[in-house]
């Protein structure tokens, strides 16, 4: 690439990026994942419309994995451990046992009902079984769900990529034929455990390093945290363990550690996650050729999607959730909310890069599958949550951003009061913050004032709270407790 080509690339790239960002609002209003808009942009730019040619499956495979690493890092850094911890067991079961059930059911149906060869049938089942972290994080976090349901779906989407990547790679390269089924399952389990362990260690070490580092600029902290996440992936892959498990676990540990500028780190991670999603989906849109998709492939995609959505997914949820006594309403919503997005398309590029026979047909089927069933499922999630009784009508948690005050060993907390928060109407004195913590300033409609004990909090106020470092976590927990349960938070439990 010479300088002139670079200038053209920057011109077109910046225009596409701005168009994609502005299109987010349109997709949010429609209740659809932004991936459909980004895929559409890629298709318009591609050889079928504007003529940009892109057919390098190896490059798409590599860039796709890189984008997934950043998306998983963003998901882990922005996930609250206290929300996913009660559901982590079910999420882990769905990411392992659940996808196994889905792969088996869809593979058998694709072979005997749709007439696909066994290798393509297994690959189709494998690449479409995992839920997509980008779709789950971008869509479901806008739907007010109960903690158990949202935590289950987030944990599943963050963990289920790792075993499927191993399976798809093994089937595509023929490595799965070299081992018996028990041996292959044992290899996958060891790689997953090793990846999770390395990710946990890197996350803890990264948190310790970041707490002790006095960096000259606050903007360096988010970059360093993200670098630790990518380091977990790279180091784990180097020792032949699961890098996707490592990056998600490391990000989850770092995102819930007591780090300086934690709010800025999460905002930076969200921006990087959006950038990765835009680049990934536009690239995948360029890779596909809609004019070459045959009607037969469309019908296979619709039939395979029906098998997964209405048979395999509910069965896998039933197998995993029933022993844990999960209510049937939550099971029904989790079954319906198994969103697919970039992950299946990226995984379909693996057999394409490996030269598997009929891999192009598989890629086209998966592309149609993702587009059709995203249109079917995503817009209905809000109504389905309300109908099944898993929508959370309570107050949303307050958002807390922290900045360290190193010289006085304290932290400055900035709290945004949501419109539905039960902090609204509470007096400053009724907050009963831990000793030493106090509300120093209230900003309302752009005007700042120093509050007194009887000063009432209004919706969308910004509170500046100074808390000694020793009681910072207690201060955050108290503010969130009052935000959920009001001034009687000390006497009412989480229900």
Protein backbone atom coordinates (compact mmCIF):
# COMPACT_ATOMS: atom_id res chain seq x y z
CA UNK A 1 0.00 0.00 0.00
CA UNK A 2 1.54 3.31 -1.08
CA UNK A 3 0.73 6.76 0.26
CA UNK A 4 -1.96 7.46 -2.34
CA UNK A 5 -3.73 4.18 -1.58
CA UNK A 6 -3.49 4.94 2.14
CA UNK A 7 -5.11 8.35 1.60
CA UNK A 8 -7.98 6.73 -0.31
CA UNK A 9 -8.37 4.06 2.35
CA UNK A 10 -8.55 6.67 5.13
CA UNK A 11 -11.11 8.73 3.20
CA UNK A 12 -13.40 5.79 2.48
CA UNK A 13 -12.80 4.19 5.88
CA UNK A 14 -13.67 7.31 7.87
CA UNK A 15 -16.83 7.82 5.81
CA UNK A 16 -17.92 4.21 6.34
CA UNK A 17 -17.16 4.46 10.06
CA UNK A 18 -19.24 7.63 10.47
CA UNK A 19 -22.12 6.12 8.51
CA UNK A 20 -21.98 3.01 10.70
CA UNK A 21 -21.95 5.04 13.91
CA UNK A 22 -24.91 7.16 12.81
CA UNK A 23 -26.76 3.99 11.79
CA UNK A 24 -26.63 2.70 15.37
CA UNK A 25 -29.51 4.96 16.36
CA UNK A 26 -31.63 3.57 13.53
CA UNK A 27 -30.94 -0.02 14.58
CA UNK A 28 -31.70 0.78 18.24
CA UNK A 29 -35.08 2.22 17.34
CA UNK A 30 -35.88 -0.87 15.28
CA UNK A 31 -34.75 -3.19 18.07
CA UNK A 32 -32.26 -4.90 15.75
CA UNK A 33 -28.58 -5.59 16.36
CA UNK A 34 -26.37 -3.14 14.57
CA UNK A 35 -24.69 -6.04 12.82
CA UNK A 36 -27.44 -6.12 10.20
CA UNK A 37 -26.74 -2.51 9.26
CA UNK A 38 -23.00 -3.12 9.16
CA UNK A 39 -23.41 -6.25 7.06
CA UNK A 40 -25.58 -4.23 4.70
CA UNK A 41 -22.88 -1.56 4.40
CA UNK A 42 -20.34 -4.27 3.57
CA UNK A 43 -22.60 -5.78 0.92
CA UNK A 44 -23.19 -2.36 -0.68
CA UNK A 45 -19.44 -1.72 -0.77
CA UNK A 46 -18.77 -5.21 -2.17
CA UNK A 47 -18.41 -6.44 -5.69
CA UNK A 48 -22.17 -6.94 -6.12
CA UNK A 49 -22.90 -3.17 -5.85
CA UNK A 50 -19.97 -0.71 -5.68
CA UNK A 51 -17.39 -3.19 -6.89
CA UNK A 52 -14.88 -3.51 -4.02
CA UNK A 53 -13.53 -7.05 -4.32
CA UNK A 54 -12.60 -9.01 -1.21
CA UNK A 55 -12.33 -12.79 -1.23
CA UNK A 56 -9.34 -13.59 0.99
CA UNK A 57 -10.74 -16.19 3.41
CA UNK A 58 -7.44 -16.49 5.31
CA UNK A 59 -7.31 -12.74 5.97
CA UNK A 60 -10.99 -12.71 6.95
CA UNK A 61 -10.36 -15.59 9.35
CA UNK A 62 -7.42 -13.79 11.00
CA UNK A 63 -9.13 -10.39 11.23
CA UNK A 64 -12.31 -12.04 12.48
CA UNK A 65 -10.49 -13.70 15.35
CA UNK A 66 -8.78 -10.42 16.22
CA UNK A 67 -12.10 -8.61 16.33
CA UNK A 68 -13.66 -11.35 18.47
CA UNK A 69 -10.82 -10.98 20.98
CA UNK A 70 -11.60 -7.27 21.35
CA UNK A 71 -15.37 -7.92 21.54
CA UNK A 72 -14.92 -10.55 24.27
CA UNK A 73 -12.56 -8.21 26.14
CA UNK A 74 -15.18 -5.45 26.01
CA UNK A 75 -17.84 -7.86 27.23
CA UNK A 76 -15.75 -8.99 30.20
CA UNK A 77 -14.63 -5.49 31.17
CA UNK A 78 -18.20 -4.15 31.18
CA UNK A 79 -19.82 -7.13 32.93
CA UNK A 80 -20.60 -6.75 36.63
CA UNK A 81 -19.53 -9.86 38.51
CA UNK A 82 -22.23 -9.52 41.15
CA UNK A 83 -24.85 -9.75 38.39
CA UNK A 84 -23.46 -12.80 36.57
CA UNK A 85 -22.16 -14.71 39.61
CA UNK A 86 -25.52 -16.31 40.54
CA UNK A 87 -26.00 -17.40 36.92
CA UNK A 88 -22.44 -18.43 36.12
CA UNK A 89 -23.18 -22.11 36.72
CA UNK A 90 -26.04 -22.19 34.23
CA UNK A 91 -24.09 -20.07 31.76
CA UNK A 92 -21.15 -22.48 31.92
CA UNK A 93 -23.46 -25.47 31.43
CA UNK A 94 -25.07 -23.85 28.39
CA UNK A 95 -21.63 -23.02 26.98
CA UNK A 96 -20.50 -26.66 27.23
CA UNK A 97 -23.30 -29.20 27.67
CA UNK A 98 -25.84 -26.96 25.94
CA UNK A 99 -23.82 -26.44 22.77
CA UNK A 100 -23.05 -30.17 22.71
CA UNK A 101 -26.76 -30.97 22.67
CA UNK A 102 -27.39 -28.31 20.00
CA UNK A 103 -24.59 -29.56 17.78
CA UNK A 104 -25.80 -33.16 18.03
CA UNK A 105 -29.45 -32.35 17.26
CA UNK A 106 -28.76 -29.98 14.35
CA UNK A 107 -26.05 -32.22 12.85
CA UNK A 108 -28.36 -35.24 12.82
CA UNK A 109 -31.21 -33.20 11.36
CA UNK A 110 -28.98 -31.55 8.73
CA UNK A 111 -27.69 -34.94 7.59
CA UNK A 112 -30.87 -37.04 7.59
CA UNK A 113 -33.49 -34.36 6.88
CA UNK A 114 -31.61 -31.84 4.73
CA UNK A 115 -29.33 -34.38 3.04
CA UNK A 116 -26.01 -32.68 3.84
CA UNK A 117 -22.79 -34.68 4.06
CA UNK A 118 -21.69 -35.47 7.60
CA UNK A 119 -18.73 -33.07 7.63
CA UNK A 120 -20.80 -30.11 6.39
CA UNK A 121 -23.70 -31.09 8.68
CA UNK A 122 -21.45 -31.13 11.75
CA UNK A 123 -19.79 -27.86 10.75
CA UNK A 124 -23.17 -26.19 10.15
CA UNK A 125 -24.39 -27.35 13.56
CA UNK A 126 -21.18 -26.25 15.27
CA UNK A 127 -20.86 -22.76 13.80
CA UNK A 128 -24.53 -21.89 14.44
CA UNK A 129 -24.83 -23.27 17.98
CA UNK A 130 -22.94 -20.61 20.01
CA UNK A 131 -24.66 -17.36 20.86
CA UNK A 132 -22.89 -14.19 19.79
CA UNK A 133 -21.33 -11.98 22.45
CA UNK A 134 -21.60 -8.82 20.31
CA UNK A 135 -25.31 -9.36 19.65
CA UNK A 136 -26.08 -10.26 23.26
CA UNK A 137 -24.18 -7.32 24.74
CA UNK A 138 -25.55 -4.77 22.25
CA UNK A 139 -29.20 -5.91 22.23
CA UNK A 140 -30.02 -7.49 25.58
CA UNK A 141 -28.40 -4.77 27.68
CA UNK A 142 -31.07 -2.43 26.30
CA UNK A 143 -33.85 -4.80 27.41
CA UNK A 144 -34.67 -4.44 31.14
CA UNK A 145 -34.22 -8.09 32.18
CA UNK A 146 -33.94 -9.68 35.59
CA UNK A 147 -30.41 -10.30 36.81
CA UNK A 148 -30.61 -14.07 36.55
CA UNK A 149 -31.68 -14.05 32.91
CA UNK A 150 -29.26 -11.35 31.74
CA UNK A 151 -26.39 -12.87 33.72
CA UNK A 152 -27.05 -16.30 32.20
CA UNK A 153 -27.08 -15.00 28.63
CA UNK A 154 -23.98 -12.85 29.11
CA UNK A 155 -22.01 -15.65 30.75
CA UNK A 156 -23.03 -18.12 28.04
CA UNK A 157 -22.13 -15.80 25.17
CA UNK A 158 -18.77 -15.00 26.71
CA UNK A 159 -17.79 -18.63 27.29
CA UNK A 160 -19.33 -20.68 24.49
CA UNK A 161 -17.04 -19.43 21.69
CA UNK A 162 -14.03 -21.28 23.10
CA UNK A 163 -15.20 -24.92 22.81
CA UNK A 164 -16.85 -24.36 19.43
CA UNK A 165 -13.69 -22.80 17.94
CA UNK A 166 -11.77 -25.93 18.94
CA UNK A 167 -14.46 -28.20 17.45
CA UNK A 168 -14.75 -26.32 14.15
CA UNK A 169 -10.98 -26.18 13.71
CA UNK A 170 -10.64 -29.91 14.47
CA UNK A 171 -13.41 -30.93 12.05
CA UNK A 172 -12.13 -28.59 9.31
CA UNK A 173 -8.56 -29.88 9.47
CA UNK A 174 -9.46 -33.52 10.06
CA UNK A 175 -7.82 -33.51 13.51
CA UNK A 176 -11.04 -34.78 15.11
CA UNK A 177 -10.62 -38.06 13.18
CA UNK A 178 -7.28 -38.71 14.89
CA UNK A 179 -8.84 -39.17 18.34
CA UNK A 180 -11.72 -41.08 19.82
CA UNK A 181 -14.66 -39.06 21.15
CA UNK A 182 -13.69 -39.36 24.86
CA UNK A 183 -10.11 -38.32 24.11
CA UNK A 184 -11.26 -35.35 22.02
CA UNK A 185 -13.65 -34.22 24.78
CA UNK A 186 -10.84 -34.51 27.32
CA UNK A 187 -8.53 -32.40 25.12
CA UNK A 188 -11.18 -29.70 24.77
CA UNK A 189 -11.84 -29.71 28.54
CA UNK A 190 -8.13 -29.37 29.34
CA UNK A 191 -7.70 -26.50 26.88
CA UNK A 192 -10.74 -24.70 28.28
CA UNK A 193 -9.62 -25.13 31.88
CA UNK A 194 -6.08 -24.07 31.01
CA UNK A 195 -7.31 -20.99 29.19
CA UNK A 196 -9.60 -19.97 32.03
CA UNK A 197 -6.82 -20.49 34.58
CA UNK A 198 -4.29 -18.44 32.62
CA UNK A 199 -6.88 -15.72 32.08
CA UNK A 200 -7.62 -15.59 35.80
CA UNK A 201 -3.92 -15.33 36.68
CA UNK A 202 -3.28 -12.62 34.09
CA UNK A 203 -6.33 -10.70 35.32
CA UNK A 204 -5.21 -10.81 38.95
CA UNK A 205 -1.64 -9.87 38.09
CA UNK A 206 -2.88 -7.09 35.82
CA UNK A 207 -5.11 -5.69 38.56
CA UNK A 208 -2.22 -5.72 41.03
CA UNK A 209 0.09 -3.98 38.56
CA UNK A 210 -2.47 -1.33 37.63
CA UNK A 211 -3.26 -0.49 41.26
CA UNK A 212 0.41 0.09 42.01
CA UNK A 213 1.33 1.91 38.80
CA UNK A 214 1.38 5.69 38.88
CA UNK A 215 1.05 6.42 35.18
CA UNK A 216 1.60 10.01 34.00
CA UNK A 217 -1.72 10.20 32.12
CA UNK A 218 -5.18 8.84 32.91
CA UNK A 219 -5.57 7.89 29.25
CA UNK A 220 -2.86 5.23 29.62
CA UNK A 221 -4.84 3.15 32.14
CA UNK A 222 -7.53 1.92 29.69
CA UNK A 223 -4.89 1.06 27.10
CA UNK A 224 -2.86 -0.92 29.65
CA UNK A 225 -5.93 -2.84 30.84
CA UNK A 226 -6.89 -3.79 27.29
CA UNK A 227 -3.28 -4.82 26.63
CA UNK A 228 -3.46 -7.24 29.58
CA UNK A 229 -6.59 -8.79 28.05
CA UNK A 230 -4.92 -9.27 24.68
CA UNK A 231 -1.81 -10.57 26.45
CA UNK A 232 -3.96 -13.24 28.09
CA UNK A 233 -5.20 -14.36 24.67
CA UNK A 234 -1.79 -14.34 23.01
CA UNK A 235 0.01 -16.11 25.84
CA UNK A 236 -2.66 -18.77 26.14
CA UNK A 237 -2.72 -19.56 22.43
CA UNK A 238 1.07 -19.80 22.50
CA UNK A 239 0.86 -22.71 24.98
CA UNK A 240 -1.99 -24.32 22.97
CA UNK A 241 -4.86 -23.58 25.36
CA UNK A 242 -8.12 -21.72 24.72
CA UNK A 243 -7.35 -18.07 24.08
CA UNK A 244 -11.02 -17.06 23.92
CA UNK A 245 -11.66 -18.44 27.40
CA UNK A 246 -8.54 -16.67 28.65
CA UNK A 247 -9.38 -13.23 27.26
CA UNK A 248 -12.95 -13.28 28.61
CA UNK A 249 -11.93 -14.46 32.10
CA UNK A 250 -9.03 -11.97 32.27
CA UNK A 251 -11.32 -9.12 31.19
CA UNK A 252 -13.97 -10.18 33.71
CA UNK A 253 -11.41 -10.15 36.53
CA UNK A 254 -9.94 -6.81 35.48
CA UNK A 255 -13.33 -5.21 34.90
CA UNK A 256 -14.38 -5.97 38.47
CA UNK A 257 -11.07 -5.13 40.14
CA UNK A 258 -10.53 -1.94 42.12
CA UNK A 259 -8.69 -0.11 39.35
CA UNK A 260 -7.94 3.59 38.92
CA UNK A 261 -10.16 5.29 36.34
CA UNK A 262 -12.42 2.25 36.11
CA UNK A 263 -15.23 4.22 34.47
CA UNK A 264 -12.90 5.57 31.79
CA UNK A 265 -11.57 2.05 31.19
CA UNK A 266 -15.06 0.68 30.61
CA UNK A 267 -15.94 3.55 28.28
CA UNK A 268 -12.74 2.98 26.30
CA UNK A 269 -13.47 -0.75 26.10
CA UNK A 270 -16.99 -0.04 24.79
CA UNK A 271 -15.56 2.21 22.09
CA UNK A 272 -13.02 -0.42 21.04
CA UNK A 273 -15.77 -3.05 21.07
CA UNK A 274 -17.96 -0.95 18.77
CA UNK A 275 -15.01 -0.33 16.44
CA UNK A 276 -14.26 -4.06 16.31
CA UNK A 277 -17.91 -4.87 15.57
CA UNK A 278 -18.13 -2.30 12.77
CA UNK A 279 -14.92 -3.47 11.13
CA UNK A 280 -15.81 -7.14 11.53
CA UNK A 281 -19.33 -6.95 10.11
CA UNK A 282 -18.40 -4.67 7.22
CA UNK A 283 -15.58 -7.06 6.32
CA UNK A 284 -17.93 -10.06 6.45
CA UNK A 285 -20.40 -8.17 4.26
CA UNK A 286 -17.61 -7.64 1.74
CA UNK A 287 -16.72 -11.33 1.84
CA UNK A 288 -20.20 -12.56 0.94
CA UNK A 289 -21.56 -12.46 -2.61
CA UNK A 290 -25.38 -12.26 -2.43
CA UNK A 291 -25.72 -12.80 -6.17
CA UNK A 292 -24.13 -16.24 -5.84
CA UNK A 293 -26.44 -17.46 -3.07
CA UNK A 294 -28.75 -20.10 -4.49
CA UNK A 295 -32.40 -20.61 -3.55
CA UNK A 296 -31.52 -24.09 -2.28
CA UNK A 297 -29.07 -22.58 0.21
CA UNK A 298 -31.74 -20.16 1.44
CA UNK A 299 -34.17 -22.98 2.16
CA UNK A 300 -31.48 -25.02 3.92
CA UNK A 301 -30.61 -21.98 6.08
CA UNK A 302 -34.27 -21.44 7.05
CA UNK A 303 -34.79 -25.15 7.81
CA UNK A 304 -31.57 -25.47 9.82
CA UNK A 305 -32.44 -22.31 11.73
CA UNK A 306 -35.86 -23.72 12.57
CA UNK A 307 -34.25 -26.92 13.88
CA UNK A 308 -31.89 -24.91 16.08
CA UNK A 309 -34.35 -22.25 17.27
CA UNK A 310 -37.39 -24.42 17.94
CA UNK A 311 -35.89 -27.82 18.77
CA UNK A 312 -32.18 -27.88 19.62
CA UNK A 313 -31.96 -24.63 21.60
CA UNK A 314 -35.01 -25.31 23.84
CA UNK A 315 -33.82 -28.88 24.40
CA UNK A 316 -30.33 -27.75 25.39
CA UNK A 317 -31.74 -25.17 27.81
CA UNK A 318 -34.10 -27.79 29.27
CA UNK A 319 -31.23 -30.24 29.83
CA UNK A 320 -29.02 -27.63 31.51
CA UNK A 321 -31.60 -25.61 33.47
CA UNK A 322 -33.95 -28.28 34.81
CA UNK A 323 -31.44 -29.78 37.33
CA UNK A 324 -30.85 -26.24 38.66
CA UNK A 325 -34.63 -25.71 39.09
CA UNK A 326 -34.74 -22.67 36.86
CA UNK A 327 -38.38 -21.48 36.39
CA UNK A 328 -39.92 -22.42 33.06
CA UNK A 329 -40.52 -18.78 32.14
CA UNK A 330 -36.79 -18.01 32.41
CA UNK A 331 -36.00 -21.17 30.44
CA UNK A 332 -38.39 -20.10 27.68
CA UNK A 333 -36.84 -16.65 27.36
CA UNK A 334 -33.26 -17.96 27.42
CA UNK A 335 -34.27 -20.40 24.67
CA UNK A 336 -35.69 -17.63 22.50
CA UNK A 337 -32.91 -15.11 23.23
CA UNK A 338 -30.08 -17.23 21.81
CA UNK A 339 -28.96 -14.56 19.35
CA UNK A 340 -26.50 -15.35 16.59
CA UNK A 341 -24.36 -12.72 14.92
CA UNK A 342 -20.76 -12.40 13.81
CA UNK A 343 -19.50 -15.54 15.54
CA UNK A 344 -21.20 -18.06 13.21
CA UNK A 345 -20.04 -16.17 10.11
CA UNK A 346 -16.47 -15.88 11.41
CA UNK A 347 -16.44 -19.57 12.33
CA UNK A 348 -17.73 -20.42 8.85
CA UNK A 349 -14.60 -18.76 7.44
CA UNK A 350 -12.43 -21.46 9.09
CA UNK A 351 -13.48 -24.30 6.73
CA UNK A 352 -13.40 -21.75 3.90
CA UNK A 353 -9.76 -20.97 4.71
CA UNK A 354 -8.92 -24.68 5.13
CA UNK A 355 -10.35 -25.54 1.69
CA UNK A 356 -13.03 -27.91 3.00
CA UNK A 357 -15.24 -29.21 0.15
CA UNK A 358 -18.53 -27.28 -0.13
CA UNK A 359 -17.23 -24.65 2.32
CA UNK A 360 -18.60 -21.84 0.14
CA UNK A 361 -22.06 -23.39 0.33
CA UNK A 362 -21.70 -23.60 4.12
CA UNK A 363 -20.66 -19.93 4.33
CA UNK A 364 -23.67 -18.81 2.28
CA UNK A 365 -26.06 -20.91 4.37
CA UNK A 366 -24.69 -19.48 7.62
CA UNK A 367 -24.91 -15.92 6.30
CA UNK A 368 -28.58 -16.32 5.34
CA UNK A 369 -29.26 -18.08 8.64
CA UNK A 370 -27.86 -15.17 10.70
CA UNK A 371 -29.69 -12.46 8.75
CA UNK A 372 -33.09 -14.21 8.73
CA UNK A 373 -33.21 -15.27 12.35
CA UNK A 374 -31.79 -12.00 13.66
CA UNK A 375 -34.72 -10.26 11.97
CA UNK A 376 -37.09 -12.81 13.52
CA UNK A 377 -35.78 -12.88 17.10
CA UNK A 378 -34.20 -9.54 18.02
CA UNK A 379 -37.21 -7.20 17.61
CA UNK A 380 -39.42 -9.47 19.75
CA UNK A 381 -37.19 -9.75 22.83
CA UNK A 382 -38.72 -6.83 24.74
CA UNK A 383 -42.27 -8.11 24.29
CA UNK A 384 -41.21 -11.69 25.01
CA UNK A 385 -39.56 -10.59 28.27
CA UNK A 386 -42.71 -8.76 29.37
CA UNK A 387 -45.02 -11.62 28.34
CA UNK A 388 -42.92 -14.23 30.16
CA UNK A 389 -42.53 -12.06 33.25
CA UNK A 390 -38.73 -11.78 33.16
CA UNK A 391 -38.60 -8.02 32.53
CA UNK A 392 -37.14 -6.01 35.38
CA UNK A 393 -39.49 -3.15 36.17
CA UNK A 394 -37.31 -1.95 39.03
CA UNK A 395 -34.79 0.86 39.02
CA UNK A 396 -31.70 0.60 36.95
CA UNK A 397 -28.40 0.61 38.83
CA UNK A 398 -26.66 3.92 39.20
CA UNK A 399 -23.58 4.35 37.05
CA UNK A 400 -20.46 5.04 39.11
CA UNK A 401 -17.26 6.49 37.68
CA UNK A 402 -14.23 6.87 39.94
CA UNK A 403 -11.09 8.97 39.84
CA UNK A 404 -8.27 8.47 42.37
CA UNK A 405 -7.17 11.26 44.72
CA UNK A 406 -3.72 9.82 45.41
CA UNK A 407 -2.39 12.48 47.79
CA UNK A 408 -5.25 11.99 50.27
CA UNK A 409 -5.79 8.23 49.69
CA UNK A 410 -9.37 8.77 48.61
CA UNK A 411 -11.54 8.43 45.52
CA UNK A 412 -13.89 10.86 43.83
CA UNK A 413 -17.05 9.05 42.72
CA UNK A 414 -19.33 10.51 40.07
CA UNK A 415 -22.86 9.09 40.21
CA UNK A 416 -25.48 9.63 37.54
CA UNK A 417 -29.01 9.17 38.91
CA UNK A 418 -31.18 7.28 36.35
CA UNK A 419 -34.75 8.43 35.74
CA UNK A 420 -36.23 5.33 37.37
CA UNK A 421 -33.79 5.09 40.25
CA UNK A 422 -35.19 4.98 43.78
CA UNK A 423 -32.55 7.50 44.77
CA UNK A 424 -35.02 10.06 43.44
CA UNK A 425 -36.68 11.82 46.40
CA UNK A 426 -34.17 10.56 48.95
CA UNK A 427 -32.53 13.21 51.14
CA UNK A 428 -28.75 13.39 51.37
CA UNK A 429 -28.86 12.55 55.08
CA UNK A 430 -30.97 9.45 54.35
CA UNK A 431 -28.19 7.94 52.23
CA UNK A 432 -26.33 6.97 55.44
CA UNK A 433 -23.00 6.63 53.68
CA UNK A 434 -20.07 4.93 55.48
CA UNK A 435 -18.04 7.09 57.90
CA UNK A 436 -15.78 9.53 56.07
CA UNK A 437 -17.76 9.45 52.80
CA UNK A 438 -19.86 12.46 51.88
CA UNK A 439 -21.72 14.04 48.96
CA UNK A 440 -19.55 17.04 48.10
CA UNK A 441 -21.46 18.43 45.13
CA UNK A 442 -24.73 18.02 43.23
CA UNK A 443 -24.95 19.12 39.60
CA UNK A 444 -28.53 19.68 38.40
CA UNK A 445 -29.31 21.00 34.91
CA UNK A 446 -25.79 22.35 34.60
CA UNK A 447 -25.82 24.20 37.94
CA UNK A 448 -23.67 22.99 40.83
CA UNK A 449 -24.54 23.32 44.53
CA UNK A 450 -23.20 22.04 47.84
CA UNK A 451 -26.00 19.95 49.36
CA UNK A 452 -27.19 19.96 52.98
CA UNK A 453 -28.63 16.98 54.84
CA UNK A 454 -32.24 17.64 53.78
CA UNK A 455 -31.38 18.26 50.12
CA UNK A 456 -33.52 15.95 47.98
CA UNK A 457 -32.07 14.07 45.03
CA UNK A 458 -33.80 14.54 41.67
CA UNK A 459 -33.75 12.35 38.58
CA UNK A 460 -30.73 12.77 36.31
CA UNK A 461 -28.75 14.56 39.02
CA UNK A 462 -24.97 14.10 39.04
CA UNK A 463 -23.55 13.48 42.50
CA UNK A 464 -19.89 13.90 43.38
CA UNK A 465 -19.03 11.76 46.39
CA UNK A 466 -15.66 11.77 48.16
CA UNK A 467 -14.86 8.47 49.86
CA UNK A 468 -11.73 7.30 51.69
CA UNK A 469 -10.17 4.39 49.83
CA UNK A 470 -10.89 2.01 52.70
CA UNK A 471 -14.67 2.49 52.38
CA UNK A 472 -14.97 3.08 48.65
CA UNK A 473 -16.55 -0.29 47.89
CA UNK A 474 -18.98 0.05 50.81
CA UNK A 475 -19.95 3.50 49.52
CA UNK A 476 -20.67 2.17 46.02
CA UNK A 477 -22.67 -0.75 47.44
CA UNK A 478 -24.72 1.59 49.62
CA UNK A 479 -25.51 3.94 46.73
CA UNK A 480 -26.57 1.03 44.51
CA UNK A 481 -28.66 -0.44 47.33
CA UNK A 482 -30.56 2.82 47.81
CA UNK A 483 -30.91 3.12 44.03
CA UNK A 484 -32.64 -0.28 43.92
CA UNK A 485 -34.69 -0.22 47.12
CA UNK A 486 -34.94 3.40 48.24
CA UNK A 487 -34.38 4.86 51.67
CA UNK A 488 -35.41 1.58 53.36
CA UNK A 489 -32.53 -0.30 51.77
CA UNK A 490 -31.10 -1.11 55.18
CA UNK A 491 -34.22 -3.10 56.10
CA UNK A 492 -35.22 -4.58 52.76
CA UNK A 493 -33.38 -7.43 51.04
CA UNK A 494 -32.51 -7.69 47.34
CA UNK A 495 -35.94 -9.08 46.45
